């Protein structure tokens, strides 16, 4: 079973290919929803021994940054690089 943990937003690396899928309007709408309802689903990250790497949840991560959050709830998953 996955356990939620707090991860520093600044410590999460977002791969370049993932960054290309970012939609600023989606981030804005999501940030507004987070303000009203809170973060419903944690992001997913993997750890490569040195840093946390984003697996799932780019828009949630960017919305948290936009809101000035310093930490975010995340699931630590075992994922392979593609």
N, C-alpha and C. Protein backbone atom coordinates (compact mmCIF):
# COMPACT_ATOMS: atom_id res chain seq x y z
N UNK A 1 0.83 -1.18 0.00
CA UNK A 1 0.00 0.00 0.00
C UNK A 1 0.88 1.25 0.00
N UNK A 2 0.50 2.21 -0.81
CA UNK A 2 1.27 3.45 -0.89
C UNK A 2 0.97 4.34 0.30
N UNK A 3 2.01 5.01 0.75
CA UNK A 3 1.87 5.92 1.89
C UNK A 3 2.21 7.34 1.42
N UNK A 4 1.39 8.27 1.82
CA UNK A 4 1.61 9.67 1.44
C UNK A 4 2.74 10.25 2.30
N UNK A 5 3.63 10.99 1.67
CA UNK A 5 4.68 11.68 2.40
C UNK A 5 4.80 13.09 1.86
N UNK A 6 5.31 13.99 2.68
CA UNK A 6 5.54 15.37 2.27
C UNK A 6 6.89 15.45 1.57
N UNK A 7 6.91 16.11 0.42
CA UNK A 7 8.14 16.30 -0.34
C UNK A 7 8.28 17.79 -0.62
N UNK A 8 9.50 18.31 -0.51
CA UNK A 8 9.73 19.71 -0.82
C UNK A 8 9.53 19.94 -2.31
N UNK A 9 8.73 20.93 -2.63
CA UNK A 9 8.42 21.25 -4.02
C UNK A 9 9.71 21.52 -4.81
N UNK A 10 10.64 22.23 -4.21
CA UNK A 10 11.89 22.58 -4.90
C UNK A 10 12.81 21.39 -5.13
N UNK A 11 12.56 20.28 -4.44
CA UNK A 11 13.41 19.10 -4.57
C UNK A 11 12.90 18.11 -5.62
N UNK A 12 11.85 18.48 -6.35
CA UNK A 12 11.27 17.58 -7.35
C UNK A 12 11.76 17.98 -8.73
N UNK A 13 12.39 17.03 -9.41
CA UNK A 13 12.88 17.25 -10.77
C UNK A 13 11.78 16.85 -11.75
N UNK A 14 11.52 17.72 -12.71
CA UNK A 14 10.54 17.43 -13.76
C UNK A 14 11.30 17.21 -15.07
N UNK A 15 11.22 15.99 -15.62
CA UNK A 15 11.92 15.71 -16.89
C UNK A 15 11.45 16.64 -18.01
N UNK A 16 12.33 16.96 -18.94
CA UNK A 16 12.02 17.87 -20.04
C UNK A 16 10.82 17.41 -20.85
N UNK A 17 10.73 16.14 -21.16
CA UNK A 17 9.60 15.64 -21.95
C UNK A 17 8.28 15.89 -21.22
N UNK A 18 8.29 15.78 -19.92
CA UNK A 18 7.08 16.01 -19.13
C UNK A 18 6.72 17.50 -19.13
N UNK A 19 7.73 18.37 -19.09
CA UNK A 19 7.48 19.82 -19.06
C UNK A 19 6.74 20.31 -20.30
N UNK A 20 6.96 19.63 -21.42
CA UNK A 20 6.33 20.03 -22.68
C UNK A 20 4.82 19.83 -22.66
N UNK A 21 4.31 19.05 -21.71
CA UNK A 21 2.88 18.77 -21.65
C UNK A 21 2.14 19.75 -20.75
N UNK A 22 2.83 20.75 -20.25
CA UNK A 22 2.24 21.70 -19.30
C UNK A 22 1.29 22.68 -20.01
N UNK A 23 0.10 22.85 -19.43
CA UNK A 23 -0.90 23.80 -19.93
C UNK A 23 -1.17 24.82 -18.82
N UNK A 24 -0.69 26.06 -18.97
CA UNK A 24 -0.85 27.08 -17.92
C UNK A 24 -2.29 27.32 -17.48
N UNK A 25 -3.23 27.26 -18.41
CA UNK A 25 -4.64 27.49 -18.04
C UNK A 25 -5.14 26.39 -17.12
N UNK A 26 -4.71 25.16 -17.36
CA UNK A 26 -5.08 24.04 -16.49
C UNK A 26 -4.51 24.25 -15.09
N UNK A 27 -3.28 24.74 -15.02
CA UNK A 27 -2.64 25.02 -13.73
C UNK A 27 -3.44 26.04 -12.95
N UNK A 28 -3.87 27.10 -13.63
CA UNK A 28 -4.64 28.16 -12.96
C UNK A 28 -5.96 27.62 -12.41
N UNK A 29 -6.68 26.86 -13.24
CA UNK A 29 -7.96 26.30 -12.79
C UNK A 29 -7.76 25.32 -11.62
N UNK A 30 -6.72 24.52 -11.71
CA UNK A 30 -6.43 23.56 -10.65
C UNK A 30 -6.04 24.27 -9.36
N UNK A 31 -5.27 25.33 -9.46
CA UNK A 31 -4.88 26.11 -8.27
C UNK A 31 -6.11 26.68 -7.58
N UNK A 32 -7.05 27.18 -8.36
CA UNK A 32 -8.29 27.70 -7.79
C UNK A 32 -9.07 26.60 -7.08
N UNK A 33 -9.12 25.41 -7.68
CA UNK A 33 -9.82 24.29 -7.08
C UNK A 33 -9.13 23.84 -5.79
N UNK A 34 -7.80 23.84 -5.79
CA UNK A 34 -7.05 23.45 -4.59
C UNK A 34 -7.33 24.43 -3.46
N UNK A 35 -7.42 25.72 -3.78
CA UNK A 35 -7.74 26.72 -2.76
C UNK A 35 -9.10 26.45 -2.12
N UNK A 36 -10.07 26.07 -2.94
CA UNK A 36 -11.43 25.84 -2.46
C UNK A 36 -11.60 24.48 -1.79
N UNK A 37 -10.99 23.46 -2.34
CA UNK A 37 -11.26 22.09 -1.90
C UNK A 37 -10.06 21.31 -1.37
N UNK A 38 -8.87 21.87 -1.49
CA UNK A 38 -7.68 21.15 -1.07
C UNK A 38 -7.19 20.20 -2.15
N UNK A 39 -5.99 19.69 -1.97
CA UNK A 39 -5.41 18.73 -2.91
C UNK A 39 -6.05 17.37 -2.67
N UNK A 40 -6.72 16.84 -3.68
CA UNK A 40 -7.45 15.58 -3.53
C UNK A 40 -6.57 14.36 -3.75
N UNK A 41 -5.67 14.45 -4.70
CA UNK A 41 -4.85 13.30 -5.07
C UNK A 41 -3.37 13.69 -5.01
N UNK A 42 -2.58 12.96 -4.23
CA UNK A 42 -1.14 13.26 -4.18
C UNK A 42 -0.47 13.01 -5.54
N UNK A 43 0.62 13.71 -5.79
CA UNK A 43 1.41 13.46 -6.99
C UNK A 43 2.18 12.16 -6.78
N UNK A 44 2.82 11.66 -7.82
CA UNK A 44 3.67 10.48 -7.71
C UNK A 44 5.09 10.84 -8.10
N UNK A 45 6.03 10.42 -7.27
CA UNK A 45 7.45 10.65 -7.54
C UNK A 45 8.20 9.35 -7.33
N UNK A 46 9.35 9.27 -7.97
CA UNK A 46 10.27 8.16 -7.70
C UNK A 46 11.56 8.78 -7.21
N UNK A 47 12.36 8.01 -6.53
CA UNK A 47 13.64 8.50 -6.02
C UNK A 47 14.75 7.73 -6.70
N UNK A 48 15.70 8.44 -7.29
CA UNK A 48 16.79 7.78 -8.01
C UNK A 48 18.06 7.68 -7.19
N UNK A 49 17.95 7.91 -5.89
CA UNK A 49 19.12 7.86 -5.02
C UNK A 49 19.66 9.24 -4.69
N UNK A 50 19.33 10.22 -5.55
CA UNK A 50 19.81 11.59 -5.33
C UNK A 50 18.66 12.59 -5.21
N UNK A 51 17.60 12.36 -5.95
CA UNK A 51 16.51 13.35 -5.99
C UNK A 51 15.18 12.67 -6.28
N UNK A 52 14.12 13.42 -6.05
CA UNK A 52 12.78 12.95 -6.41
C UNK A 52 12.50 13.37 -7.85
N UNK A 53 11.95 12.45 -8.62
CA UNK A 53 11.63 12.71 -10.02
C UNK A 53 10.13 12.54 -10.20
N UNK A 54 9.50 13.52 -10.82
CA UNK A 54 8.06 13.47 -11.03
C UNK A 54 7.69 12.34 -11.97
N UNK A 55 6.71 11.55 -11.55
CA UNK A 55 6.17 10.47 -12.38
C UNK A 55 4.78 10.88 -12.89
N UNK A 56 3.96 11.42 -12.00
CA UNK A 56 2.59 11.79 -12.33
C UNK A 56 2.17 12.99 -11.50
N UNK A 57 1.52 13.98 -12.14
CA UNK A 57 0.98 15.10 -11.38
C UNK A 57 1.62 16.44 -11.68
N UNK A 58 2.04 16.65 -12.92
CA UNK A 58 2.71 17.90 -13.29
C UNK A 58 1.84 19.12 -13.00
N UNK A 59 0.58 19.08 -13.38
CA UNK A 59 -0.29 20.24 -13.18
C UNK A 59 -0.55 20.50 -11.70
N UNK A 60 -0.66 19.43 -10.92
CA UNK A 60 -0.84 19.61 -9.46
C UNK A 60 0.41 20.22 -8.84
N UNK A 61 1.59 19.76 -9.28
CA UNK A 61 2.85 20.31 -8.78
C UNK A 61 2.97 21.79 -9.13
N UNK A 62 2.68 22.13 -10.38
CA UNK A 62 2.78 23.53 -10.81
C UNK A 62 1.74 24.40 -10.11
N UNK A 63 0.56 23.86 -9.85
CA UNK A 63 -0.46 24.61 -9.11
C UNK A 63 0.01 24.88 -7.69
N UNK A 64 0.65 23.89 -7.06
CA UNK A 64 1.18 24.08 -5.71
C UNK A 64 2.25 25.17 -5.71
N UNK A 65 3.12 25.16 -6.72
CA UNK A 65 4.14 26.21 -6.84
C UNK A 65 3.48 27.57 -7.01
N UNK A 66 2.47 27.63 -7.86
CA UNK A 66 1.75 28.88 -8.13
C UNK A 66 1.12 29.44 -6.86
N UNK A 67 0.68 28.54 -5.98
CA UNK A 67 0.07 28.94 -4.71
C UNK A 67 1.10 29.26 -3.63
N UNK A 68 2.38 29.04 -3.93
CA UNK A 68 3.44 29.35 -2.98
C UNK A 68 3.70 28.26 -1.96
N UNK A 69 3.22 27.05 -2.22
CA UNK A 69 3.45 25.93 -1.30
C UNK A 69 4.92 25.53 -1.33
N UNK A 70 5.45 25.14 -0.20
CA UNK A 70 6.85 24.69 -0.14
C UNK A 70 6.95 23.17 -0.10
N UNK A 71 5.85 22.50 0.29
CA UNK A 71 5.82 21.03 0.29
C UNK A 71 4.54 20.57 -0.40
N UNK A 72 4.54 19.32 -0.83
CA UNK A 72 3.38 18.74 -1.49
C UNK A 72 3.27 17.28 -1.07
N UNK A 73 2.04 16.78 -0.97
CA UNK A 73 1.82 15.37 -0.67
C UNK A 73 2.18 14.55 -1.90
N UNK A 74 2.92 13.46 -1.69
CA UNK A 74 3.36 12.63 -2.81
C UNK A 74 3.39 11.17 -2.40
N UNK A 75 3.12 10.32 -3.39
CA UNK A 75 3.34 8.88 -3.24
C UNK A 75 4.72 8.60 -3.80
N UNK A 76 5.53 7.85 -3.07
CA UNK A 76 6.82 7.41 -3.57
C UNK A 76 6.59 6.07 -4.26
N UNK A 77 6.81 6.02 -5.57
CA UNK A 77 6.52 4.82 -6.34
C UNK A 77 7.80 4.26 -6.94
N UNK A 78 7.73 3.01 -7.29
CA UNK A 78 8.83 2.36 -8.01
C UNK A 78 8.48 2.42 -9.48
N UNK A 79 9.16 3.25 -10.25
CA UNK A 79 8.87 3.42 -11.66
C UNK A 79 10.18 3.37 -12.44
N UNK A 80 10.11 2.77 -13.62
CA UNK A 80 11.28 2.70 -14.47
C UNK A 80 11.30 3.89 -15.42
N UNK A 81 12.51 4.28 -15.80
CA UNK A 81 12.65 5.33 -16.82
C UNK A 81 12.21 4.75 -18.15
N UNK A 82 11.61 5.59 -18.95
CA UNK A 82 11.17 5.15 -20.29
C UNK A 82 12.19 5.53 -21.31
